[in-house]
């Protein structure tokens, strides 16, 4: 008789949890940030309810199950964060250094050179505004006040200058990518010729 009573209590608790399933899933997803992980957390809690039903002294089983989901999701996220700190992901190839490949370094140097040339080609006032705002973190309204011009003018000049810099960097990156793919294409063609 005791086993039968315990079985009915377990079924009631499971039914209550299943009725609150969307809410439990929502709480778990909010904590984990991932629907798949949220489903795993809620599934684990439901399995715990099946294997070990809650005590009869719990007045609000739905709230208790909600707390179980929150705790399990929080524990999972803490464990995941801890594990990420333990293991360093190795890039494919395994022989790249922390400073990147020579090709990456060359692309970055060329992009910086394009950026620097664009900044140097700006009119003196625009360059002064750009350097003060982006390098010295001076707000636009202070730059405008010191120069005796409107904030709208400063904003427009900065936007135009920044767009030019981004375009120069993007153009350089496109040239670098094209050069790299051409180099790889020629290298693979030479390898094919050697094989034949």
Protein backbone atom coordinates (compact mmCIF):
# COMPACT_ATOMS: atom_id res chain seq x y z
CA UNK A 1 0.00 0.00 0.00
CA UNK A 2 2.90 2.38 0.79
CA UNK A 3 4.50 1.71 -2.59
CA UNK A 4 1.19 2.39 -4.31
CA UNK A 5 0.77 5.69 -2.42
CA UNK A 6 4.33 6.71 -3.29
CA UNK A 7 3.69 5.83 -6.97
CA UNK A 8 0.57 8.00 -7.09
CA UNK A 9 2.46 10.90 -5.45
CA UNK A 10 5.24 10.52 -8.01
CA UNK A 11 2.70 10.51 -10.86
CA UNK A 12 0.99 13.63 -9.49
CA UNK A 13 4.30 15.45 -9.17
CA UNK A 14 5.32 14.41 -12.67
CA UNK A 15 1.95 15.54 -14.07
CA UNK A 16 2.35 18.90 -12.29
CA UNK A 17 5.85 19.29 -13.73
CA UNK A 18 4.69 18.33 -17.22
CA UNK A 19 1.86 20.85 -16.98
CA UNK A 20 4.46 23.55 -16.13
CA UNK A 21 6.87 22.28 -18.82
CA UNK A 22 6.77 25.41 -21.06
CA UNK A 23 7.44 27.64 -18.07
CA UNK A 24 10.27 25.38 -16.86
CA UNK A 25 11.76 25.37 -20.34
CA UNK A 26 11.55 29.17 -20.52
CA UNK A 27 13.37 29.57 -17.20
CA UNK A 28 16.10 27.13 -18.21
CA UNK A 29 16.52 28.80 -21.61
CA UNK A 30 16.83 32.23 -20.00
CA UNK A 31 19.69 30.98 -17.83
CA UNK A 32 21.51 28.80 -20.37
CA UNK A 33 20.84 30.92 -23.44
CA UNK A 34 20.34 27.79 -25.52
CA UNK A 35 17.15 25.85 -26.23
CA UNK A 36 18.93 22.50 -26.48
CA UNK A 37 20.66 22.95 -23.12
CA UNK A 38 17.39 24.12 -21.59
CA UNK A 39 15.65 20.96 -22.77
CA UNK A 40 18.46 18.85 -21.29
CA UNK A 41 18.15 20.63 -17.92
CA UNK A 42 14.37 20.19 -17.76
CA UNK A 43 14.69 16.55 -18.85
CA UNK A 44 17.19 15.94 -16.04
CA UNK A 45 14.82 17.45 -13.48
CA UNK A 46 11.94 15.30 -14.74
CA UNK A 47 14.12 12.21 -14.48
CA UNK A 48 14.98 13.17 -10.91
CA UNK A 49 11.26 13.42 -10.11
CA UNK A 50 10.66 9.94 -11.54
CA UNK A 51 13.57 8.32 -9.72
CA UNK A 52 13.12 10.16 -6.41
CA UNK A 53 9.76 11.87 -5.87
CA UNK A 54 9.53 15.00 -3.75
CA UNK A 55 8.64 14.68 -0.10
CA UNK A 56 5.03 15.13 0.95
CA UNK A 57 5.96 18.06 3.19
CA UNK A 58 6.53 20.33 0.13
CA UNK A 59 3.59 22.71 -0.03
CA UNK A 60 4.15 24.09 -3.57
CA UNK A 61 5.66 21.38 -5.79
CA UNK A 62 5.58 23.57 -8.94
CA UNK A 63 7.66 26.28 -7.29
CA UNK A 64 10.01 23.65 -5.92
CA UNK A 65 10.48 22.08 -9.36
CA UNK A 66 11.04 25.57 -10.82
CA UNK A 67 13.79 26.11 -8.23
CA UNK A 68 15.30 22.72 -9.17
CA UNK A 69 15.43 23.81 -12.83
CA UNK A 70 17.01 27.17 -11.96
CA UNK A 71 19.63 25.54 -9.74
CA UNK A 72 20.51 22.83 -12.24
CA UNK A 73 20.75 25.34 -15.13
CA UNK A 74 22.93 27.67 -13.05
CA UNK A 75 25.18 24.78 -11.99
CA UNK A 76 25.50 23.68 -15.59
CA UNK A 77 26.51 27.17 -16.75
CA UNK A 78 29.06 27.53 -13.94
CA UNK A 79 30.55 24.15 -14.75
CA UNK A 80 30.72 25.04 -18.45
CA UNK A 81 32.41 28.36 -17.69
CA UNK A 82 34.91 26.64 -15.39
CA UNK A 83 35.72 24.01 -18.03
CA UNK A 84 36.24 26.67 -20.69
CA UNK A 85 38.82 28.26 -18.42
CA UNK A 86 40.65 24.94 -18.06
CA UNK A 87 40.99 23.99 -21.69
CA UNK A 88 42.46 26.12 -24.44
CA UNK A 89 41.02 25.38 -27.84
CA UNK A 90 43.70 24.57 -30.36
CA UNK A 91 43.28 25.80 -33.90
CA UNK A 92 43.22 23.39 -36.80
CA UNK A 93 46.75 22.59 -37.84
CA UNK A 94 48.04 22.85 -34.29
CA UNK A 95 51.18 24.78 -35.19
CA UNK A 96 49.88 28.36 -35.20
CA UNK A 97 51.29 30.68 -32.62
CA UNK A 98 49.44 33.16 -30.46
CA UNK A 99 50.60 35.90 -32.82
CA UNK A 100 48.95 34.43 -35.90
CA UNK A 101 50.48 33.37 -39.14
CA UNK A 102 52.91 35.52 -41.11
CA UNK A 103 50.19 36.03 -43.74
CA UNK A 104 47.76 37.36 -41.11
CA UNK A 105 50.44 39.66 -39.75
CA UNK A 106 51.16 40.95 -43.26
CA UNK A 107 47.44 41.57 -43.93
CA UNK A 108 47.11 43.45 -40.65
CA UNK A 109 50.18 45.56 -41.43
CA UNK A 110 48.84 46.40 -44.89
CA UNK A 111 45.41 47.27 -43.46
CA UNK A 112 47.07 49.52 -40.87
CA UNK A 113 49.10 51.20 -43.61
CA UNK A 114 45.93 51.83 -45.65
CA UNK A 115 44.24 53.24 -42.53
CA UNK A 116 47.20 55.49 -41.76
CA UNK A 117 47.37 56.79 -45.34
CA UNK A 118 43.65 57.56 -45.26
CA UNK A 119 43.98 59.48 -42.00
CA UNK A 120 47.00 61.42 -43.33
CA UNK A 121 45.08 62.33 -46.51
CA UNK A 122 42.24 63.93 -44.54
CA UNK A 123 41.94 67.72 -44.35
CA UNK A 124 43.74 69.08 -41.27
CA UNK A 125 40.59 70.00 -39.35
CA UNK A 126 38.89 66.66 -40.05
CA UNK A 127 42.03 64.76 -39.09
CA UNK A 128 42.29 66.76 -35.84
CA UNK A 129 38.63 66.02 -34.99
CA UNK A 130 39.06 62.34 -35.89
CA UNK A 131 42.19 61.85 -33.80
CA UNK A 132 40.74 63.71 -30.82
CA UNK A 133 37.51 61.73 -30.88
CA UNK A 134 38.73 58.22 -31.73
CA UNK A 135 42.22 58.24 -30.20
CA UNK A 136 41.85 60.63 -27.25
CA UNK A 137 38.17 59.79 -26.43
CA UNK A 138 37.09 63.43 -26.47
CA UNK A 139 33.29 63.73 -26.89
CA UNK A 140 31.98 65.36 -30.04
CA UNK A 141 30.26 68.21 -28.20
CA UNK A 142 33.54 69.25 -26.54
CA UNK A 143 35.38 69.10 -29.88
CA UNK A 144 32.66 71.30 -31.43
CA UNK A 145 32.77 73.76 -28.54
CA UNK A 146 36.58 74.10 -28.69
CA UNK A 147 36.55 74.52 -32.48
CA UNK A 148 33.62 76.93 -32.44
CA UNK A 149 31.50 74.85 -34.83
CA UNK A 150 28.23 72.97 -34.51
CA UNK A 151 27.98 69.43 -33.15
CA UNK A 152 26.24 68.41 -36.39
CA UNK A 153 29.27 69.50 -38.42
CA UNK A 154 31.66 67.56 -36.18
CA UNK A 155 29.40 64.51 -36.30
CA UNK A 156 29.16 64.66 -40.11
CA UNK A 157 32.92 65.07 -40.57
CA UNK A 158 33.65 62.20 -38.17
CA UNK A 159 31.12 59.93 -39.84
CA UNK A 160 32.55 60.66 -43.29
CA UNK A 161 36.16 60.22 -42.09
CA UNK A 162 35.34 56.97 -40.31
CA UNK A 163 33.55 55.64 -43.41
CA UNK A 164 36.63 56.43 -45.50
CA UNK A 165 38.89 54.61 -43.04
CA UNK A 166 36.64 51.55 -42.98
CA UNK A 167 36.45 51.54 -46.78
CA UNK A 168 40.25 51.73 -47.06
CA UNK A 169 40.69 48.84 -44.63
CA UNK A 170 37.98 46.82 -46.37
CA UNK A 171 39.50 47.48 -49.79
CA UNK A 172 42.92 46.41 -48.53
CA UNK A 173 41.40 43.26 -47.01
CA UNK A 174 39.72 42.45 -50.34
CA UNK A 175 43.03 42.92 -52.19
CA UNK A 176 44.81 40.73 -49.64
CA UNK A 177 42.20 37.98 -49.91
CA UNK A 178 42.37 38.08 -53.69
CA UNK A 179 46.16 37.96 -53.63
CA UNK A 180 46.13 35.05 -51.18
CA UNK A 181 43.62 33.06 -53.24
CA UNK A 182 45.61 33.75 -56.44
CA UNK A 183 48.79 32.63 -54.70
CA UNK A 184 47.09 29.44 -53.50
CA UNK A 185 45.63 28.82 -56.96
CA UNK A 186 49.05 29.21 -58.60
CA UNK A 187 50.69 27.06 -55.92
CA UNK A 188 48.12 24.27 -56.35
CA UNK A 189 48.56 24.47 -60.15
CA UNK A 190 52.34 24.10 -59.71
CA UNK A 191 51.78 21.13 -57.40
CA UNK A 192 49.49 19.53 -59.99
CA UNK A 193 52.14 20.07 -62.69
CA UNK A 194 54.78 18.46 -60.48
CA UNK A 195 52.59 15.45 -59.82
CA UNK A 196 51.96 14.88 -63.51
